Amino acid sequence: MKNKLKNIIVTVSFAALIFGLSVSFLLKPPAEFSDSERRALLQFPTLSVNSVLSGKFMSDFESYTLDQFPLRDGFRTVKALVSKHIFNQQDNNGIYVHDGYAAAMEYPLNSDSITNAANKFNFIKQKYLNETNSIYLSLIPDKNFFLAKESGRLSLDYEKLVKQLCEEMQDEKYIDIFPLLSIDDYYKTDTHWKQENIDDVAEKLLDEMETQADFSSLTENTLDVPFYGVYYGQSALPLDAEEIKYFTSDMIDSFEVYDHQNGNPMKVYDMEKAQGKDPYEMFLSGSLSLITINNPKALNDKNLVVFRDSFGSSIAPLLATGYSKVTVVDIRYIQSSVLDRFVDFENSDVLFLYSTLVLNNSETLK
């Protein structure tokens, strides 16, 4: 009798759960964006005779229901915890956590991607640069460089990556910043490095480019909102919030910054985006294709053009302290073939500054 009652309770509870989730799914308006995953969620698919007969509607509807499932983030966290602590899986959604740091398991080295990146950079060199330009290359290791060996994960052959890119570009001066970095210089829940920890990297780059800046007057500030990086949502694990810190000084405060993509003057630090979905976008307003930073307090009249990815957003203000003008270019969002319409390369230093993550997935470069 007791077993029968227990079975009835379990069956009724399970049916009530399924019924409740189904009603919730039907009544809940579809969400447009997942803050935790930093991506748009699928909406109800187009219903037509062709989509039904081809099977596309049902396939898209299944994906839609997965994206819009009630309590989705909670279930993702439960799945991640079970996978990690019960089934001992190495990663969840390609993200693993070691010693409190979340990182992407980037492997293997994609030699074709490195060649593609070199071809993009060589195109820029051949089309726009000449003997008036000093050309530099520097690479930023992803977090897996520091974590993979001690955590037992696979990683890129970073030495081979650097060697291949340098050989295929040839004419640039390579600036090695790997020895200056450690895992402590990166956010625990995000891809990126911390601005407050890379002033020595900026000094190294400026010194190798034969210019200097005095960082002794920098003031460290702390953003008053908690920061959960991109790996927080992708891992679905309950990771702790972090702080974002940023440098100011009389010189940095005097910078005249212009967003050519939207045709607007802007600030070095975008405090509106600091309160948004991705606070790291406070650095030079995130993913913009073309920005100029004029430094009226510069100690020289030198110009710098930086080709960069998102890592460059936080170091560019530090580099700008050593130049009269810095042009920040992101060829993930602007075609390399039209740069001469917007950028004056004459008598400018040129720095290609890219993370190994982007180089190993260089199809994003235009």
Protein backbone atom coordinates (compact mmCIF):
# COMPACT_ATOMS: atom_id res chain seq x y z
CA MET A 1 0.00 0.00 0.00
CA LYS A 2 2.83 2.36 0.89
CA ASN A 3 4.60 1.66 -2.43
CA LYS A 4 1.37 2.29 -4.33
CA LEU A 5 0.86 5.63 -2.57
CA LYS A 6 4.47 6.60 -3.20
CA ASN A 7 4.12 5.77 -6.90
CA ILE A 8 0.93 7.83 -7.12
CA ILE A 9 2.64 10.83 -5.46
CA VAL A 10 5.65 10.60 -7.79
CA THR A 11 3.44 10.26 -10.88
CA VAL A 12 1.15 13.14 -9.90
CA SER A 13 4.12 15.36 -9.01
CA PHE A 14 5.85 14.62 -12.30
CA ALA A 15 2.64 15.25 -14.25
CA ALA A 16 2.08 18.51 -12.37
CA LEU A 17 5.67 19.59 -13.14
CA ILE A 18 5.28 18.83 -16.85
CA PHE A 19 1.86 20.53 -16.95
CA GLY A 20 3.20 23.59 -15.11
CA LEU A 21 6.20 23.95 -17.38
CA SER A 22 3.98 23.52 -20.47
CA VAL A 23 1.53 26.19 -19.30
CA SER A 24 4.40 28.48 -18.39
CA PHE A 25 5.93 27.99 -21.85
CA LEU A 26 2.62 28.84 -23.53
CA LEU A 27 1.89 31.91 -21.39
CA LYS A 28 5.42 33.33 -21.12
CA PRO A 29 6.25 35.88 -23.86
CA PRO A 30 9.40 34.74 -25.73
CA ALA A 31 12.60 36.36 -24.53
CA GLU A 32 14.66 38.09 -27.19
CA PHE A 33 18.09 37.94 -25.56
CA SER A 34 19.97 35.80 -23.06
CA ASP A 35 22.05 38.05 -20.78
CA SER A 36 23.98 35.08 -19.40
CA GLU A 37 24.93 33.68 -22.83
CA ARG A 38 25.31 37.09 -24.52
CA ARG A 39 23.29 36.02 -27.57
CA ALA A 40 19.93 36.52 -29.22
CA LEU A 41 17.41 33.75 -28.58
CA LEU A 42 15.48 32.06 -31.36
CA GLN A 43 11.95 33.28 -32.02
CA PHE A 44 8.90 31.35 -33.21
CA PRO A 45 9.69 30.02 -36.72
CA THR A 46 7.78 31.02 -39.83
CA LEU A 47 4.90 28.64 -40.49
CA SER A 48 4.25 27.81 -44.14
CA VAL A 49 3.34 24.82 -46.29
CA ASN A 50 6.90 24.56 -47.60
CA SER A 51 8.50 24.75 -44.14
CA VAL A 52 6.18 22.03 -42.82
CA LEU A 53 6.63 19.69 -45.80
CA SER A 54 10.41 20.12 -45.78
CA GLY A 55 10.63 19.44 -42.06
CA LYS A 56 12.32 22.81 -41.46
CA PHE A 57 9.47 24.12 -39.31
CA MET A 58 9.67 21.26 -36.80
CA SER A 59 13.46 21.46 -36.68
CA ASP A 60 13.34 25.22 -36.06
CA PHE A 61 10.48 24.80 -33.57
CA GLU A 62 12.51 22.30 -31.55
CA SER A 63 15.42 24.78 -31.37
CA TYR A 64 12.96 27.54 -30.44
CA THR A 65 11.52 25.53 -27.55
CA LEU A 66 15.02 24.82 -26.22
CA ASP A 67 15.86 28.53 -26.27
CA GLN A 68 12.56 29.60 -24.70
CA PHE A 69 12.18 26.79 -22.15
CA PRO A 70 10.96 28.04 -18.73
CA LEU A 71 13.67 28.32 -16.05
CA ARG A 72 16.22 27.67 -18.77
CA ASP A 73 19.18 29.29 -16.99
CA GLY A 74 18.46 27.30 -13.83
CA PHE A 75 18.34 24.01 -15.72
CA ARG A 76 21.57 24.94 -17.55
CA THR A 77 23.28 25.47 -14.20
CA VAL A 78 22.01 22.13 -12.83
CA LYS A 79 23.24 20.38 -15.98
CA ALA A 80 26.65 22.04 -15.71
CA LEU A 81 27.05 21.12 -12.03
CA VAL A 82 26.01 17.51 -12.64
CA SER A 83 28.37 17.23 -15.62
CA LYS A 84 31.27 18.67 -13.62
CA HIS A 85 30.87 17.08 -10.20
CA ILE A 86 29.07 13.80 -10.91
CA PHE A 87 30.15 12.78 -14.41
CA ASN A 88 33.56 14.53 -14.12
CA GLN A 89 33.34 16.02 -17.59
CA GLN A 90 36.36 18.10 -18.64
CA ASP A 91 34.27 21.04 -19.85
CA ASN A 92 30.77 22.37 -20.35
CA ASN A 93 29.95 24.04 -23.67
CA GLY A 94 33.69 24.12 -24.42
CA ILE A 95 34.44 26.05 -21.20
CA TYR A 96 36.34 24.61 -18.24
CA VAL A 97 37.14 26.01 -14.81
CA HIS A 98 40.50 25.56 -13.10
CA ASP A 99 41.61 27.22 -9.88
CA GLY A 100 38.68 29.63 -10.13
CA TYR A 101 39.43 30.70 -13.71
CA ALA A 102 37.06 29.89 -16.58
CA ALA A 103 38.69 29.42 -19.97
CA ALA A 104 37.87 28.18 -23.46
CA MET A 105 39.52 24.93 -24.53
CA GLU A 106 41.10 26.28 -27.73
CA TYR A 107 42.61 23.36 -29.67
CA PRO A 108 44.14 22.43 -32.10
CA LEU A 109 46.27 25.01 -33.86
CA ASN A 110 44.60 25.98 -37.13
CA SER A 111 47.54 26.65 -39.45
CA ASP A 112 45.23 27.66 -42.30
CA SER A 113 43.69 30.29 -40.07
CA ILE A 114 47.12 31.69 -39.16
CA THR A 115 47.96 31.88 -42.89
CA ASN A 116 44.67 33.66 -43.54
CA ALA A 117 45.49 36.23 -40.84
CA ALA A 118 48.99 36.73 -42.26
CA ASN A 119 47.50 37.24 -45.73
CA LYS A 120 45.14 39.90 -44.36
CA PHE A 121 47.97 41.71 -42.62
CA ASN A 122 50.25 41.45 -45.66
CA PHE A 123 47.50 42.88 -47.86
CA ILE A 124 47.35 45.92 -45.56
CA LYS A 125 51.13 46.26 -45.59
CA GLN A 126 51.40 46.05 -49.37
CA LYS A 127 48.44 48.34 -50.12
CA TYR A 128 48.96 51.10 -47.56
CA LEU A 129 52.40 51.00 -45.96
CA ASN A 130 55.80 52.14 -47.20
CA GLU A 131 59.25 53.11 -45.99
CA THR A 132 57.78 55.90 -43.80
CA ASN A 133 56.13 53.28 -41.58
CA SER A 134 57.63 51.26 -38.76
CA ILE A 135 55.69 47.99 -38.51
CA TYR A 136 55.26 45.97 -35.33
CA LEU A 137 53.51 42.74 -34.37
CA SER A 138 52.55 41.52 -30.91
CA LEU A 139 50.35 38.61 -29.84
CA ILE A 140 48.22 38.22 -26.72
CA PRO A 141 47.95 34.67 -25.32
CA ASP A 142 44.53 33.41 -24.34
CA LYS A 143 43.97 32.06 -20.82
CA ASN A 144 44.47 28.47 -21.95
CA PHE A 145 48.18 29.28 -22.38
CA PHE A 146 48.49 29.56 -18.59
CA LEU A 147 45.94 26.98 -17.47
CA ALA A 148 46.08 24.06 -19.90
CA LYS A 149 49.21 22.27 -18.69
CA GLU A 150 48.47 22.31 -14.97
CA SER A 151 44.79 21.44 -15.52
CA GLY A 152 45.51 18.61 -17.95
CA ARG A 153 43.74 20.23 -20.91
CA LEU A 154 44.83 20.38 -24.52
CA SER A 155 46.11 23.69 -25.88
CA LEU A 156 47.53 25.37 -28.94
CA ASP A 157 51.18 25.08 -29.88
CA TYR A 158 51.79 28.77 -29.12
CA GLU A 159 55.46 28.69 -30.12
CA LYS A 160 54.50 27.29 -33.52
CA LEU A 161 51.74 29.88 -33.89
CA VAL A 162 54.10 32.80 -33.26
CA LYS A 163 56.79 31.35 -35.51
CA GLN A 164 54.39 30.75 -38.41
CA LEU A 165 52.85 34.22 -38.26
CA CYS A 166 56.22 35.95 -38.03
CA GLU A 167 57.60 33.93 -40.96
CA GLU A 168 54.58 34.62 -43.15
CA MET A 169 54.57 38.36 -42.37
CA GLN A 170 58.40 38.79 -42.42
CA ASP A 171 58.92 42.56 -42.45
CA GLU A 172 57.53 43.45 -39.03
CA LYS A 173 59.32 43.70 -35.68
CA TYR A 174 57.87 41.14 -33.28
CA ILE A 175 57.37 42.34 -29.68
CA ASP A 176 57.11 39.42 -27.27
CA ILE A 177 54.76 40.22 -24.35
CA PHE A 178 54.12 36.61 -23.25
CA PRO A 179 56.75 36.78 -20.44
CA LEU A 180 55.03 39.85 -18.95
CA LEU A 181 51.69 38.12 -18.52
CA SER A 182 50.29 35.58 -16.07
CA ILE A 183 46.84 34.17 -15.39
CA ASP A 184 46.38 36.83 -12.68
CA ASP A 185 46.31 39.46 -15.41
CA TYR A 186 43.02 38.09 -16.77
CA TYR A 187 39.46 38.21 -15.47
CA LYS A 188 38.33 34.92 -13.95
CA THR A 189 34.97 34.86 -15.77
CA ASP A 190 35.93 36.58 -19.00
CA THR A 191 38.23 36.30 -22.01
CA HIS A 192 40.02 39.59 -21.52
CA TRP A 193 42.94 40.99 -19.60
CA LYS A 194 42.66 43.57 -16.80
CA GLN A 195 43.67 47.09 -17.69
CA GLU A 196 45.08 47.72 -14.21
CA ASN A 197 47.53 44.82 -14.74
CA ILE A 198 48.85 45.64 -18.21
CA ASP A 199 50.59 48.98 -17.74
CA ASP A 200 53.90 47.06 -17.93
CA VAL A 201 52.75 45.56 -21.26
CA ALA A 202 51.92 49.03 -22.58
CA GLU A 203 55.33 50.31 -21.43
CA LYS A 204 57.06 47.41 -23.22
CA LEU A 205 55.19 48.09 -26.45
CA LEU A 206 55.88 51.83 -26.30
CA ASP A 207 59.55 51.26 -25.54
CA GLU A 208 59.94 48.84 -28.47
CA MET A 209 58.19 51.37 -30.73
CA GLU A 210 60.72 53.97 -29.56
CA THR A 211 58.36 56.21 -27.69
CA GLN A 212 57.61 56.56 -24.01
CA ALA A 213 54.93 57.51 -21.54
CA ASP A 214 54.98 58.27 -17.82
CA PHE A 215 52.48 56.02 -16.05
CA SER A 216 53.37 57.25 -12.55
CA SER A 217 50.41 59.66 -12.56
CA LEU A 218 47.80 57.00 -13.36
CA THR A 219 44.88 56.74 -10.92
CA GLU A 220 43.16 53.37 -10.52
CA ASN A 221 39.36 53.49 -10.34
CA THR A 222 36.84 50.73 -9.59
CA LEU A 223 33.55 50.38 -11.45
CA ASP A 224 30.60 50.28 -9.06
CA VAL A 225 28.81 47.36 -10.76
CA PRO A 226 29.56 43.63 -10.45
CA PHE A 227 31.15 42.09 -13.53
CA TYR A 228 30.19 38.67 -14.87
CA GLY A 229 32.25 37.88 -17.96
CA VAL A 230 31.28 35.99 -21.09
CA TYR A 231 32.47 32.65 -19.68
CA TYR A 232 30.09 33.01 -16.73
CA GLY A 233 27.07 32.51 -18.98
CA GLN A 234 28.70 30.06 -21.38
CA SER A 235 29.85 27.74 -18.59
CA ALA A 236 26.48 27.98 -16.77
CA LEU A 237 28.40 27.52 -13.50
CA PRO A 238 27.78 29.68 -10.39
CA LEU A 239 30.98 31.74 -10.56
CA ASP A 240 31.60 34.78 -8.36
CA ALA A 241 31.28 38.34 -9.64
CA GLU A 242 34.43 40.39 -10.25
CA GLU A 243 35.44 44.05 -10.32
CA ILE A 244 36.42 46.11 -13.34
CA LYS A 245 39.13 48.66 -12.69
CA TYR A 246 40.32 51.38 -15.05
CA PHE A 247 43.00 54.05 -15.22
CA THR A 248 42.52 57.78 -15.41
CA SER A 249 45.01 60.67 -15.43
CA ASP A 250 45.09 64.30 -16.47
CA MET A 251 46.41 63.21 -19.86
CA ILE A 252 43.84 60.44 -20.41
CA ASP A 253 41.05 62.78 -19.34
CA SER A 254 42.21 65.27 -21.99
CA PHE A 255 41.98 62.78 -24.89
CA GLU A 256 39.75 63.78 -27.79
CA VAL A 257 38.15 60.54 -28.98
CA TYR A 258 36.04 60.13 -32.12
CA ASP A 259 33.91 57.19 -33.25
CA HIS A 260 34.07 57.18 -37.07
CA GLN A 261 31.65 54.26 -37.37
CA ASN A 262 28.77 56.30 -35.94
CA GLY A 263 30.17 59.77 -36.62
CA ASN A 264 30.21 60.87 -32.96
CA PRO A 265 32.68 62.15 -30.41
CA MET A 266 32.96 59.74 -27.50
CA LYS A 267 34.67 59.14 -24.17
CA VAL A 268 37.59 56.86 -23.41
CA TYR A 269 35.31 55.05 -20.94
CA ASP A 270 31.65 54.59 -21.86
CA MET A 271 29.83 54.61 -18.51
CA GLU A 272 26.51 53.77 -20.12
CA LYS A 273 27.92 50.50 -21.45
CA ALA A 274 29.57 49.94 -18.08
CA GLN A 275 26.04 49.51 -16.74
CA GLY A 276 24.96 47.26 -19.62
CA LYS A 277 25.04 43.58 -20.53
CA ASP A 278 28.84 43.49 -20.98
CA PRO A 279 30.62 46.05 -18.76
CA TYR A 280 33.96 45.34 -20.49
CA GLU A 281 32.53 47.31 -23.42
CA MET A 282 33.10 50.44 -21.35
CA PHE A 283 36.63 50.46 -22.79
CA LEU A 284 36.35 52.54 -26.00
CA SER A 285 32.67 51.55 -26.30
CA GLY A 286 33.39 47.96 -27.26
CA SER A 287 33.23 46.65 -30.83
CA LEU A 288 33.71 49.72 -33.02
CA SER A 289 35.42 49.54 -36.39
CA LEU A 290 37.37 52.82 -36.37
CA ILE A 291 38.32 55.22 -33.58
CA THR A 292 40.82 58.06 -33.34
CA ILE A 293 42.35 59.25 -30.08
CA ASN A 294 44.00 62.67 -30.17
CA ASN A 295 46.31 63.47 -27.28
CA PRO A 296 46.70 67.26 -26.85
CA LYS A 297 49.22 66.73 -24.04
CA ALA A 298 51.50 64.41 -26.01
CA LEU A 299 55.24 64.94 -25.67
CA ASN A 300 55.78 64.30 -29.40
CA ASP A 301 53.98 64.54 -32.73
CA LYS A 302 54.12 60.81 -33.54
CA ASN A 303 51.14 58.85 -34.88
CA LEU A 304 50.20 55.21 -34.30
CA VAL A 305 47.76 52.94 -36.15
CA VAL A 306 46.69 49.89 -34.11
CA PHE A 307 45.02 46.93 -35.76
CA ARG A 308 43.32 45.13 -32.90
CA ASP A 309 40.58 42.90 -31.55
CA SER A 310 38.64 43.43 -28.30
CA PHE A 311 41.79 43.13 -26.16
CA GLY A 312 42.97 46.36 -27.77
CA SER A 313 40.09 48.36 -26.31
CA SER A 314 41.59 48.45 -22.83
CA ILE A 315 45.26 48.93 -23.76
CA ALA A 316 44.75 51.56 -26.49
CA PRO A 317 44.24 54.41 -23.96
CA LEU A 318 47.57 53.50 -22.35
CA LEU A 319 49.33 53.41 -25.73
CA ALA A 320 47.79 56.78 -26.59
CA THR A 321 49.72 58.42 -23.75
CA GLY A 322 52.86 57.95 -25.88
CA TYR A 323 51.52 59.39 -29.14
CA SER A 324 49.96 62.55 -30.47
CA LYS A 325 47.34 60.55 -32.37
CA VAL A 326 46.30 56.90 -32.26
CA THR A 327 43.97 55.36 -34.83
CA VAL A 328 42.34 52.15 -33.60
CA VAL A 329 41.14 49.81 -36.38
CA ASP A 330 39.14 46.60 -36.05
CA ILE A 331 39.05 44.77 -39.41
CA ARG A 332 36.44 42.38 -38.09
CA TYR A 333 33.99 45.20 -38.73
CA ILE A 334 35.51 47.19 -41.61
CA GLN A 335 36.86 45.94 -44.93
CA SER A 336 40.63 46.16 -45.29
CA SER A 337 40.22 47.24 -48.91
CA VAL A 338 38.62 50.61 -48.00
CA LEU A 339 40.90 51.74 -45.17
CA ASP A 340 42.58 54.44 -47.26
CA ARG A 341 39.26 56.34 -47.27
CA PHE A 342 39.47 56.81 -43.51
CA VAL A 343 43.05 56.27 -42.29
CA ASP A 344 46.17 58.30 -43.02
CA PHE A 345 49.09 55.87 -42.75
CA GLU A 346 51.85 58.28 -43.81
CA ASN A 347 54.69 58.57 -41.27
CA SER A 348 52.79 56.43 -38.76
CA ASP A 349 53.93 53.55 -36.60
CA VAL A 350 51.73 50.51 -37.26
CA LEU A 351 51.04 47.84 -34.65
CA PHE A 352 49.23 44.56 -35.30
CA LEU A 353 48.04 43.53 -31.82
CA TYR A 354 45.90 40.37 -31.74
CA SER A 355 44.86 37.64 -29.35
CA THR A 356 45.66 34.05 -30.19
CA LEU A 357 41.91 33.29 -30.01
CA VAL A 358 41.20 35.58 -32.96
CA LEU A 359 44.23 34.43 -34.95
CA ASN A 360 43.19 30.79 -34.58
CA ASN A 361 39.69 31.74 -35.82
CA SER A 362 40.66 34.44 -38.33
CA GLU A 363 37.66 34.02 -40.64
CA THR A 364 36.26 37.03 -38.76
CA LEU A 365 38.93 39.31 -40.30
CA LYS A 366 37.82 41.20 -43.41
